[in-house]
Each structure stands twice: as C-alpha cells, then as structure tokens.
Protein backbone atom coordinates (compact mmCIF):
# COMPACT_ATOMS: atom_id res chain seq x y z
CA MET A 1 56.41 -34.68 33.32
CA ALA A 2 54.67 -36.40 30.44
CA GLU A 3 52.77 -38.48 32.93
CA GLU A 4 51.51 -34.93 34.49
CA LEU A 5 50.49 -33.56 31.20
CA GLU A 6 48.41 -36.72 30.42
CA ALA A 7 46.58 -36.51 33.53
CA GLU A 8 45.95 -33.03 33.17
CA THR A 9 44.61 -33.52 29.63
CA THR A 10 42.33 -36.31 30.86
CA GLU A 11 41.00 -34.21 33.78
CA THR A 12 40.36 -31.02 31.27
CA ALA A 13 38.58 -33.49 28.79
CA GLU A 14 36.34 -34.94 31.71
CA ARG A 15 35.50 -31.79 33.03
CA ASP A 16 34.74 -30.51 29.51
CA ASP A 17 32.23 -33.62 29.01
CA ALA A 18 30.99 -33.51 32.36
CA TYR A 19 27.17 -33.05 31.41
CA ALA A 20 27.65 -34.49 28.06
CA LEU A 21 25.70 -37.74 27.05
CA ASP A 22 27.79 -40.69 27.67
CA ARG A 23 28.66 -42.45 24.31
CA LYS A 24 28.44 -45.96 25.73
CA ALA A 25 25.01 -45.28 27.17
CA VAL A 26 23.86 -43.79 23.67
CA ALA A 27 25.22 -46.87 21.95
CA ALA A 28 23.33 -49.08 24.48
CA ILE A 29 20.03 -47.38 23.91
CA LEU A 30 20.53 -47.68 20.02
CA TYR A 31 21.20 -51.31 20.73
CA ALA A 32 18.14 -51.86 22.59
CA VAL A 33 16.26 -50.22 19.81
CA ASP A 34 17.89 -52.29 17.30
CA VAL A 35 16.72 -55.38 18.84
CA GLU A 36 13.47 -53.97 19.84
CA ASP A 37 13.97 -54.82 23.73
CA ARG A 38 11.57 -52.15 25.08
CA GLU A 39 12.48 -53.38 28.75
CA GLN A 40 16.08 -52.68 28.19
CA LEU A 41 15.53 -49.28 26.65
CA VAL A 42 13.29 -48.15 29.61
CA GLU A 43 15.73 -49.29 32.21
CA LEU A 44 18.48 -47.32 30.15
CA MET A 45 16.43 -44.28 29.75
CA GLU A 46 15.16 -44.01 33.38
CA PRO A 47 18.12 -42.23 34.79
CA LEU A 48 18.35 -39.64 32.16
CA HIS A 49 16.84 -36.23 32.81
CA ALA A 50 14.27 -34.96 30.16
CA ALA A 51 16.99 -32.56 28.86
CA ASP A 52 19.38 -35.47 28.33
CA ILE A 53 16.61 -37.51 26.31
CA ALA A 54 15.87 -34.34 24.18
CA ASP A 55 19.50 -34.03 23.29
CA LEU A 56 19.59 -37.91 22.43
CA LEU A 57 16.78 -37.15 20.18
CA GLU A 58 18.41 -34.26 18.53
CA GLN A 59 21.66 -36.11 17.89
CA ILE A 60 20.48 -39.20 16.37
CA ASN A 61 19.17 -39.66 12.92
CA ALA A 62 15.51 -39.44 11.69
CA TYR A 63 15.16 -43.34 11.34
CA ASP A 64 16.61 -44.22 14.81
CA ARG A 65 14.73 -41.19 16.46
CA GLY A 66 11.24 -42.81 15.03
CA ARG A 67 12.07 -46.16 16.02
CA LEU A 68 13.20 -45.19 19.66
CA ILE A 69 9.79 -42.90 20.16
CA ARG A 70 7.82 -45.65 19.00
CA LEU A 71 9.58 -48.35 21.19
CA TYR A 72 9.47 -45.94 24.35
CA ASP A 73 5.93 -45.24 23.65
CA LYS A 74 3.85 -44.43 27.11
CA GLU A 75 7.05 -43.56 28.97
CA PHE A 76 7.65 -40.61 26.85
CA ASP A 77 6.67 -37.67 29.10
CA GLY A 78 5.85 -33.86 28.61
CA GLU A 79 9.26 -32.52 29.90
CA ILE A 80 11.00 -34.11 27.14
CA LEU A 81 8.60 -32.26 24.66
CA SER A 82 9.41 -29.05 26.54
CA GLU A 83 12.97 -29.46 26.27
CA LEU A 84 13.16 -30.52 22.59
CA ASP A 85 14.46 -28.35 19.86
CA GLU A 86 11.58 -26.54 17.89
CA ALA A 87 12.69 -27.89 14.64
CA LEU A 88 12.21 -31.48 15.78
CA ARG A 89 8.57 -31.10 17.64
CA GLU A 90 6.30 -31.69 14.55
CA GLU A 91 8.34 -34.97 13.86
CA VAL A 92 8.32 -36.17 17.39
CA PHE A 93 4.49 -35.39 17.66
CA ALA A 94 3.78 -37.36 14.28
CA ALA A 95 5.72 -40.46 15.83
CA LEU A 96 3.95 -40.32 19.22
CA THR A 97 0.55 -42.07 19.41
CA PRO A 98 -2.39 -39.80 20.19
CA SER A 99 -2.83 -41.12 23.38
CA VAL A 100 0.80 -40.91 24.71
CA LEU A 101 0.91 -37.19 23.07
CA ALA A 102 -2.28 -36.52 25.23
CA ASP A 103 -0.85 -37.82 28.30
CA ALA A 104 2.26 -35.96 27.90
CA VAL A 105 0.80 -32.72 27.20
CA ARG A 106 -1.63 -32.84 30.24
CA GLU A 107 1.49 -32.94 32.57
CA LEU A 108 2.90 -29.55 31.50
CA ASP A 109 2.23 -25.96 32.80
CA THR A 110 0.26 -23.75 30.62
CA ASP A 111 3.25 -21.83 29.35
CA ASP A 112 4.96 -24.97 28.34
CA VAL A 113 1.92 -26.03 26.11
CA VAL A 114 2.01 -22.67 24.62
CA ASP A 115 5.50 -23.19 23.76
CA LEU A 116 4.63 -26.45 22.21
CA VAL A 117 1.87 -25.62 20.17
CA GLU A 118 2.43 -21.79 19.09
CA ASP A 119 4.26 -22.65 15.86
CA LEU A 120 1.95 -25.72 14.65
CA GLU A 121 -0.87 -25.58 12.02
CA SER A 122 -4.24 -24.60 13.70
CA ASP A 123 -5.57 -28.36 13.26
CA GLN A 124 -2.39 -29.85 15.18
CA GLN A 125 -2.91 -27.12 17.66
CA ASP A 126 -6.55 -28.24 18.16
CA ALA A 127 -5.68 -31.73 18.28
CA ILE A 128 -3.34 -31.29 21.25
CA LEU A 129 -5.60 -28.82 23.16
CA ASP A 130 -8.39 -31.04 22.82
CA ALA A 131 -6.42 -33.52 25.31
CA LEU A 132 -6.41 -30.87 28.03
CA GLU A 133 -8.82 -30.18 30.61
CA ALA A 134 -11.40 -27.28 29.45
CA GLY A 135 -10.01 -24.74 31.92
CA ASP A 136 -6.35 -25.35 30.74
CA ALA A 137 -7.37 -25.55 27.14
CA ALA A 138 -8.93 -21.97 27.50
CA ALA A 139 -5.90 -20.71 29.44
CA VAL A 140 -3.69 -21.81 26.57
CA ARG A 141 -5.92 -20.48 23.63
CA GLN A 142 -5.97 -16.91 25.70
CA SER A 143 -2.12 -16.89 25.80
CA LEU A 144 -1.99 -17.80 22.00
CA SER A 145 -4.30 -14.70 21.40
CA TYR A 146 -1.49 -12.54 22.59
CA PRO A 147 1.03 -11.25 20.34
CA GLU A 148 3.99 -13.52 19.32
CA PHE A 149 7.05 -13.00 21.52
CA SER A 150 5.16 -11.35 24.11
CA ALA A 151 4.88 -11.78 27.87
CA GLY A 152 1.38 -13.29 27.40
CA ARG A 153 2.91 -16.26 25.38
CA LEU A 154 5.70 -16.46 27.90
CA MET A 155 3.70 -16.56 31.16
CA GLN A 156 2.09 -19.43 32.88
CA ARG A 157 -1.59 -19.20 34.15
CA GLU A 158 -1.08 -21.25 37.31
CA VAL A 159 -0.57 -18.29 39.82
CA VAL A 160 -0.59 -18.51 43.72
CA MET A 161 -2.25 -15.30 44.90
CA ALA A 162 -3.97 -14.08 48.32
CA PRO A 163 -5.63 -10.81 49.19
CA GLU A 164 -3.47 -8.36 50.71
CA HIS A 165 -5.36 -8.52 54.09
CA TRP A 166 -4.48 -12.21 54.64
CA SER A 167 -1.94 -13.33 57.28
CA VAL A 168 0.80 -16.06 56.82
CA GLY A 169 -1.41 -18.49 58.64
CA ASP A 170 -4.26 -17.81 56.06
CA ALA A 171 -1.61 -18.28 53.44
CA ILE A 172 -0.15 -21.77 54.78
CA ASP A 173 -3.85 -23.01 55.42
CA TYR A 174 -4.71 -22.13 51.87
CA MET A 175 -1.72 -23.62 50.15
CA ARG A 176 -2.16 -26.98 52.37
CA SER A 177 -5.68 -27.33 51.30
CA SER A 178 -5.59 -26.65 47.71
CA ASP A 179 -5.23 -29.12 45.07
CA ARG A 180 -4.31 -26.66 42.17
CA LEU A 181 -0.95 -25.33 43.05
CA PRO A 182 1.88 -25.40 40.64
CA GLU A 183 4.18 -27.80 40.81
CA GLN A 184 6.95 -24.97 41.24
CA PHE A 185 6.52 -21.44 42.25
CA TYR A 186 8.34 -18.73 44.24
CA HIS A 187 6.16 -16.14 45.33
CA VAL A 188 2.56 -15.66 46.66
CA VAL A 189 1.19 -12.64 44.77
CA LEU A 190 -0.72 -10.37 46.92
CA VAL A 191 -3.77 -8.71 45.25
CA ASP A 192 -6.06 -6.12 45.88
CA PRO A 193 -10.01 -6.36 45.50
CA ARG A 194 -10.00 -5.53 41.83
CA LEU A 195 -7.13 -8.49 41.37
CA ARG A 196 -4.38 -6.03 40.80
CA PRO A 197 -1.10 -7.29 42.06
CA VAL A 198 0.42 -5.13 44.89
CA GLY A 199 3.20 -7.03 46.01
CA ASN A 200 5.27 -10.32 46.11
CA VAL A 201 5.87 -12.59 49.23
CA THR A 202 8.71 -15.16 48.94
CA LEU A 203 7.93 -18.84 50.14
CA GLY A 204 10.96 -18.41 52.59
CA LYS A 205 9.63 -15.29 54.15
CA ILE A 206 6.14 -17.14 54.82
CA MET A 207 7.75 -20.25 56.38
CA SER A 208 10.11 -18.06 58.58
CA SER A 209 7.23 -15.88 59.89
CA ARG A 210 4.54 -16.38 62.62
CA ARG A 211 1.02 -17.27 61.72
CA ASP A 212 -0.28 -13.96 62.71
CA VAL A 213 2.21 -11.81 60.49
CA LEU A 214 0.15 -10.06 57.93
CA LEU A 215 1.40 -10.90 54.49
CA LYS A 216 1.69 -7.14 53.36
CA SER A 217 4.18 -6.50 56.15
CA ILE A 218 6.80 -8.99 54.60
CA VAL A 219 6.33 -8.32 50.85
CA GLU A 220 9.77 -7.94 48.84
CA GLU A 221 11.34 -4.55 48.28
CA THR A 222 11.67 -5.22 44.48
CA PHE A 223 8.36 -5.43 42.79
CA HIS A 224 7.67 -5.22 39.13
CA THR A 225 4.72 -6.07 37.09
CA ILE A 226 5.08 -7.12 33.60
CA PRO A 227 2.41 -5.81 30.83
CA VAL A 228 0.71 -8.82 28.94
CA THR A 229 1.77 -7.35 25.47
CA ARG A 230 5.55 -6.50 26.53
CA ASP A 231 8.15 -7.88 24.27
CA GLU A 232 9.80 -11.15 25.86
CA GLY A 233 13.31 -9.60 25.30
CA GLU A 234 12.37 -6.86 27.67
CA VAL A 235 10.86 -9.22 30.03
CA ALA A 236 14.23 -11.32 30.01
CA TYR A 237 16.36 -7.97 30.39
CA ALA A 238 14.12 -6.86 33.46
CA PHE A 239 14.65 -10.38 35.06
CA ASN A 240 18.45 -9.81 34.69
CA GLN A 241 18.56 -6.36 35.32
CA TYR A 242 16.55 -6.41 38.61
CA HIS A 243 17.46 -10.11 39.85
CA LEU A 244 13.72 -11.03 39.69
CA ILE A 245 12.62 -14.60 40.59
CA SER A 246 9.15 -14.14 39.33
CA ALA A 247 7.06 -11.54 38.32
CA PRO A 248 3.41 -11.08 37.85
CA VAL A 249 2.02 -10.42 34.39
CA VAL A 250 -1.19 -7.75 34.11
CA ASP A 251 -3.70 -7.07 31.27
CA ASP A 252 -4.45 -3.34 30.13
CA ASN A 253 -6.52 -3.00 33.42
CA GLU A 254 -3.78 -3.95 35.46
CA ARG A 255 -5.45 -6.96 36.45
CA LEU A 256 -3.53 -10.13 37.30
CA VAL A 257 -3.43 -12.91 34.39
CA GLY A 258 -0.42 -14.80 35.02
CA VAL A 259 3.18 -15.11 36.37
CA ILE A 260 6.70 -15.52 34.56
CA THR A 261 9.51 -17.35 36.31
CA ILE A 262 12.99 -17.05 36.06
CA ASP A 263 13.48 -20.23 34.17
CA ASP A 264 11.34 -18.90 31.32
CA ALA A 265 13.05 -15.54 31.13
CA MET A 266 16.59 -16.96 31.35
CA ALA A 267 15.58 -19.31 28.44
CA VAL A 268 14.63 -16.23 26.37
CA LEU A 269 17.72 -14.52 27.45
CA ASP A 270 19.78 -17.37 26.30
CA GLU A 271 17.93 -17.46 22.93
CA GLU A 272 18.50 -13.77 22.25
CA ASN A 273 22.24 -14.24 22.82
CA GLU A 274 22.51 -17.22 20.71
CA GLU A 275 20.58 -15.17 17.94
CA ASP A 276 22.73 -12.31 18.28
CA ILE A 277 25.91 -14.60 17.83
CA LEU A 278 24.78 -16.24 14.93
CA ARG A 279 23.54 -13.00 13.13
CA LEU A 280 26.88 -11.44 13.53
CA ALA A 281 28.03 -14.07 11.31
CA GLY A 282 25.02 -13.45 8.76
CA VAL A 283 23.35 -16.64 9.90
CA ASP A 284 19.63 -16.58 10.63
CA GLY A 285 18.92 -16.51 14.37
CA GLU A 286 16.36 -19.40 13.59
CA SER A 287 19.04 -21.88 12.38
CA ARG A 288 19.39 -25.30 14.25
CA LEU A 289 21.85 -28.10 13.84
CA SER A 290 18.90 -30.33 13.10
CA ASP A 291 17.65 -28.18 10.04
CA ARG A 292 17.60 -29.62 6.48
CA VAL A 293 20.06 -28.74 3.91
CA ILE A 294 17.70 -26.87 1.70
CA GLU A 295 16.18 -24.98 4.99
CA THR A 296 19.86 -24.00 5.88
CA THR A 297 20.72 -22.75 2.29
CA LYS A 298 17.84 -20.63 2.04
CA ARG A 299 18.68 -18.87 5.35
CA ARG A 300 22.27 -18.40 4.72
CA PHE A 301 21.97 -17.49 0.86
CA PRO A 302 20.65 -13.68 1.25
CA TRP A 303 23.37 -12.47 3.47
CA LEU A 304 26.23 -14.29 1.40
CA ALA A 305 24.83 -12.38 -1.50
CA VAL A 306 24.97 -9.39 0.33
CA ASN A 307 28.54 -10.03 1.01
CA LEU A 308 29.09 -10.59 -2.68
CA VAL A 309 27.86 -7.18 -3.34
CA THR A 310 30.12 -5.80 -0.79
CA ALA A 311 32.96 -7.74 -2.12
CA VAL A 312 32.31 -6.43 -5.68
CA LEU A 313 32.42 -2.68 -4.15
CA ALA A 314 36.04 -3.38 -2.75
CA SER A 315 37.05 -4.80 -5.92
CA LEU A 316 35.85 -1.68 -7.93
CA VAL A 317 38.23 0.37 -5.71
CA ILE A 318 41.15 -2.07 -6.44
CA ALA A 319 40.28 -1.88 -10.09
CA GLN A 320 41.06 1.97 -10.11
CA PHE A 321 44.58 1.30 -9.08
CA GLU A 322 45.24 -1.70 -11.65
CA ALA A 323 48.06 0.11 -13.28
CA ALA A 324 49.81 0.90 -9.95
CA ILE A 325 49.38 -2.82 -9.11
CA ALA A 326 50.95 -3.80 -12.18
CA GLN A 327 54.06 -1.77 -11.67
CA VAL A 328 54.67 -2.30 -8.06
CA VAL A 329 53.65 -6.17 -7.50
CA ALA A 330 54.31 -5.72 -3.74
CA LEU A 331 51.18 -3.77 -3.48
CA ALA A 332 49.28 -7.02 -4.37
CA VAL A 333 51.15 -8.91 -1.55
CA LEU A 334 50.43 -6.23 1.08
CA MET A 335 47.03 -5.15 0.29
CA PRO A 336 45.02 -8.07 1.73
CA ILE A 337 46.99 -7.46 5.23
CA VAL A 338 45.89 -3.87 5.44
CA ALA A 339 42.13 -4.86 4.66
CA SER A 340 42.06 -8.08 7.04
CA MET A 341 43.43 -5.86 9.89
CA GLY A 342 40.73 -3.22 9.60
CA GLY A 343 38.09 -6.07 9.26
CA ASN A 344 39.15 -7.71 12.50
CA ALA A 345 39.44 -4.43 14.16
CA GLY A 346 35.90 -3.42 13.20
CA THR A 347 34.43 -6.69 14.15
CA GLN A 348 35.90 -6.45 17.69
CA SER A 349 34.28 -2.78 18.10
CA LEU A 350 31.13 -3.96 16.40
CA THR A 351 30.79 -7.11 18.60
CA VAL A 352 31.20 -4.84 21.53
CA ALA A 353 28.57 -2.50 20.20
CA VAL A 354 25.90 -5.17 19.59
CA ARG A 355 26.11 -6.58 22.80
CA ALA A 356 26.04 -3.50 24.62
CA LEU A 357 23.06 -2.29 22.47
CA ALA A 358 21.25 -5.51 23.41
CA THR A 359 22.03 -4.92 27.22
CA LYS A 360 20.93 -1.39 27.19
CA ASP A 361 24.33 -0.31 28.31
CA LEU A 362 25.09 1.82 25.09
CA THR A 363 22.88 4.61 25.18
CA GLY A 364 22.81 8.61 24.19
CA ALA A 365 24.38 9.39 27.49
CA ASN A 366 27.62 7.49 26.61
CA ILE A 367 27.78 7.23 22.86
CA TRP A 368 30.27 9.94 22.33
CA ARG A 369 32.49 8.58 25.25
CA VAL A 370 32.40 5.23 23.88
CA ILE A 371 33.22 6.45 20.31
CA ARG A 372 36.15 8.35 21.36
CA ARG A 373 37.26 5.23 23.28
CA GLU A 374 37.10 2.84 20.30
CA VAL A 375 38.74 5.98 17.95
CA ALA A 376 41.60 6.00 20.51
CA VAL A 377 41.97 2.21 20.72
CA GLY A 378 42.21 2.11 16.96
CA LEU A 379 44.92 4.69 16.75
CA ILE A 380 46.88 3.20 19.13
CA ASN A 381 46.66 -0.32 17.86
CA GLY A 382 47.17 1.38 14.34
CA LEU A 383 50.41 2.98 15.44
CA ALA A 384 51.74 -0.17 16.97
CA PHE A 385 51.19 -2.54 14.10
CA ALA A 386 52.20 0.53 11.48
CA VAL A 387 55.58 0.24 13.28
CA ILE A 388 55.59 -3.58 12.99
CA MET A 389 54.36 -3.43 9.18
CA GLY A 390 56.68 -0.68 8.16
CA ILE A 391 59.78 -2.60 9.43
CA VAL A 392 58.36 -5.64 7.51
CA GLY A 393 57.88 -3.50 4.37
CA ILE A 394 61.41 -2.40 4.76
CA LEU A 395 63.13 -5.52 5.34
CA TRP A 396 60.79 -7.66 3.01
CA PHE A 397 60.99 -5.43 -0.22
CA GLY A 398 63.85 -3.10 0.78
CA SER A 399 61.87 0.04 0.26
CA PHE A 400 61.55 2.72 2.97
CA GLN A 401 58.93 4.39 0.97
CA LEU A 402 56.53 1.14 0.76
CA GLY A 403 57.12 0.78 4.49
CA GLY A 404 55.76 4.18 4.96
CA VAL A 405 52.87 3.70 2.64
CA ILE A 406 51.82 0.62 4.52
CA ALA A 407 52.49 2.11 7.91
CA THR A 408 49.98 4.99 7.30
CA ALA A 409 47.39 3.08 5.89
CA MET A 410 47.38 0.81 8.77
CA VAL A 411 46.71 3.63 11.00
CA ILE A 412 44.08 5.08 8.84
CA ASN A 413 42.09 1.78 8.35
CA LEU A 414 42.33 0.71 11.95
CA VAL A 415 41.00 4.10 13.11
CA ILE A 416 38.12 3.97 10.76
CA ALA A 417 37.47 0.41 11.54
CA GLY A 418 37.04 1.46 15.25
CA LEU A 419 34.68 4.23 14.49
CA ALA A 420 32.60 2.23 11.78
CA GLY A 421 32.32 -0.84 14.38
CA ILE A 422 30.44 1.55 16.95
CA VAL A 423 28.65 3.91 14.64
CA ILE A 424 27.24 1.66 12.09
CA PRO A 425 25.41 -0.63 14.97
CA VAL A 426 23.89 2.42 16.68
CA ILE A 427 22.68 4.00 13.28
CA LEU A 428 20.85 0.67 12.40
CA ASP A 429 19.53 0.48 15.74
CA LYS A 430 18.03 3.94 15.58
CA ALA A 431 16.51 2.81 11.96
CA GLY A 432 14.93 -0.23 13.41
CA VAL A 433 17.12 -2.60 11.77
CA ASP A 434 18.63 -5.51 13.87
CA PRO A 435 22.19 -4.40 14.31
CA ALA A 436 23.53 -7.87 14.88
CA LEU A 437 22.05 -9.09 11.55
CA ALA A 438 23.08 -6.28 9.14
CA SER A 439 26.23 -4.60 10.78
CA GLY A 440 28.69 -7.04 9.85
CA ALA A 441 28.29 -6.63 5.89
CA PHE A 442 28.42 -2.63 6.19
CA VAL A 443 31.67 -2.76 8.68
CA THR A 444 33.30 -5.30 6.25
CA THR A 445 32.39 -2.95 3.43
CA VAL A 446 33.81 0.36 4.97
CA THR A 447 37.01 -1.45 6.36
CA ASP A 448 37.66 -2.97 2.89
CA VAL A 449 36.91 0.13 0.92
CA VAL A 450 38.84 2.50 3.10
CA GLY A 451 41.93 -0.16 3.50
CA PHE A 452 42.44 -0.58 -0.40
CA PHE A 453 41.76 3.17 -1.05
CA ALA A 454 44.15 4.47 1.51
CA PHE A 455 46.97 1.85 0.83
CA LEU A 456 46.83 2.16 -3.01
CA GLY A 457 46.13 5.73 -3.07
CA LEU A 458 49.06 6.35 -0.92
CA ALA A 459 51.12 4.13 -3.06
CA VAL A 460 50.22 5.92 -6.11
CA VAL A 461 51.26 9.50 -4.56
CA VAL A 462 54.55 8.02 -2.90
CA LEU A 463 55.71 5.25 -5.14
CA LEU A 464 54.85 6.34 -8.70
C-alpha cells in the first residue's frame, strides 16, 4: 500500500511539473553563465522554447539575468521578447546590444512589435522602430495611433487577402509566388473592389477544393469583422463566443486594415481572467512577480486603506454593544463566526457575479432570477448552519437563548450575503466601476455590519 501511495504521489508530481523548467537544466545554464562558457550556454538553451527561455529570465535574479543576456548575445531572438513579462522588457532591452535588439525585432510580426514598444518612452520606441523596414515601421506607428487596449493595437498588419471573384487556383498561385506571406495564418480574406472584407476562406477548404472552384462559394458561414477601435476585451469575448480562428479588422470606412488571430485573442482573455482574480483580492491587475517592493506596496496600499475604513465601520457597530459584550462574554467568542460565515458566503456569490458579468451571462433579462437563486441558497445554507451553531451554542455555553440568537443571526447574515454578493457587483458595473476591483470591500462591509448588528442586537433583546 505504501509503495502504491508513493508511486501515485510521484506520478502526480511529475504530471503537475510536466511543463515546468527542469531545475537541473536551469542550474546547468547558470553554471555556464558563471564560467562564461558561451558555447555550452547556447547548447543548453537550444532545446528550450522561447516561452521557456522567457520564464527562465523571469525566475532568475537581475544580476544573473543581465549576465545571461550578454553572454547569449546574438542568439537572442524576437520570440523571447514577445513571451517576456512586460515588467522586465525595458531591463532586457537595456542589456541587449543595439544590433542584437534590431535583429530580434525584425523577426516579429507587427502586432508583436506593437506589444513590445507600446509602453516604452518615445525615444526607446524610435530606436526600435528605426531597426525595421520603412513599411513595417509605418505599420507599427499606425497601430500605435489607435487607442490603448483597442483592436488596432492587437491586430497584425500582415493579411492574406484576395478579390472576391478569384478561384481556388488563383489563390494558390498567388500564395506560392508571394514572398510576403505571414509565417502563420488561417484564412484568406475575400475583399470587394473597395477593399471591404466580405468573407473568410480557410486554408483547409482551399487545399481540398478544385482549382476552378470560386472562393466565394466556399467561405465560412460564421464571419465577423472587428472595428479598429473595438476594446480588446470585447474582441476576446467575440472570439470565445463565436469560436473564431481569425477575424479581419476594419477602419471607419469598413476597409480592411489588419487581422486578429486566435492566439492574440486568447492572450487577452487570459489577461482579463488574471486581472479579475487579482482584483477580487484587492490587488492591482498589473501586478507581476517581478515587480519591485515599492511598486507592489504602492499598488496594494490603497485597497488595504479602504479595507481599514470598512473594518472601522464594523468596529463602530460592535462599540454600540460594548456593555452587552461585557455582561455576556460568550458574545465575543461567537461574534466572529457569524461575520466570517457571512463574508465567505458573500465572496462566493460575488465571484459568481463578477465572472458572469465579464462573460455577459448576467444581464437584465436574468438578473432577478439569479438574485432569487442566491437569496434562496443563502437561506438554505443559513438554516443548515443555524442548526449546527444553535447546537454548538447550547452545548458550549449551556444556553438555549444564546443558541437561538446565533442561529437566527446566521440565517439573516447568509441571506444578506447572497443578496449583496450579486447586487453590489451589478450596481457597480452599471455605475461604470470595475466590479472585480471594488465589490470585495463593499460586500465585506455589508456582511460584517449586518452580521454584528443582527447577532449583538438580538442578544441584547433576548439575553439582557
């Protein structure tokens, strides 16, 4: 039995670390850096994917990072920069020689270059853009002119398009003769004479159709164009909702200006989810493990201050019942249980509401049904835990009245917690405030205040 358990534990650990960096490989890489063995370093780095190299650079300290980059030198490619955490990019740019940086940037598609340079100072942007060909530099500058977090920033300018009257044979001949095709693409975009997209044709359909088949006869049924100013979060939602692989981006005149692919859309979706998780805990969505102490402190301080204010409000409620607590010490013992249960129940409802708002599943059409459901859940859970805590109160302190007080307070607070967890995020969303960032403090305040007031208020009425 012990051997089976050990084998199962080992298998689970290996499965959990399946795509993690091998610690022995990392140690060997750092040793090659220590002894300045460039040949050995290149050999060790060769099997690693660009994303793994980026993870390695993020996990080691700044001193080792600088030495590794300088020793690796001209082997450093653009894909590594693209995968690197935003917080470290400026540091890595500074460590690279100008020629290596220029070569690395030239390898990237325009959307990746935009992602690299959009947060840099103008002089740093110019230095990188000067390394590009004139046409590519102009395309990147055009993308940078669009609003931040818009489709124009997310799109790549390299698009494979064809007139709507072309046949499969025309498209194949064009792609075979062109030397400007993107490294990866999924569709040929059909356009009308005014350069407006009218349909997408997958490469699979092109390769499986006869040469004389017209492209417009094999377009995909699902076709969406993305306005260039559309928020990237909305773009990611559209990709996820309609199962898109790529979508053309159009300007104000409905003319084709670029294309967004699924990898970029899913990266945005991942970032949105990460930000929501962090904000639910009162942490700025831009926080990274590589951030410095002072940066992290500045980002967390404001919401800790808000939490302090809410804690003071809860304390003021408790202060109103100071005499009752002094007479019945058991109230001080049981009081945190009511508030804690309410806080946890509120957080459960809050998490569901914030996620549903982000995915547009919670709307005016179903809001009242969801509210009734959460209140009902709070009532049922409240009654269940009321029985448990009522028994605990009776057995622990020998008082039927005290058991009844905490049981009643438990029901009240869990019902209010379910209600607040849904209603507060919806109200904040309607007011234009990010519910993921602000809801937690308000829900906690409501559950604490209601929990303390219900428990202590009932105690005064019943016990004193």
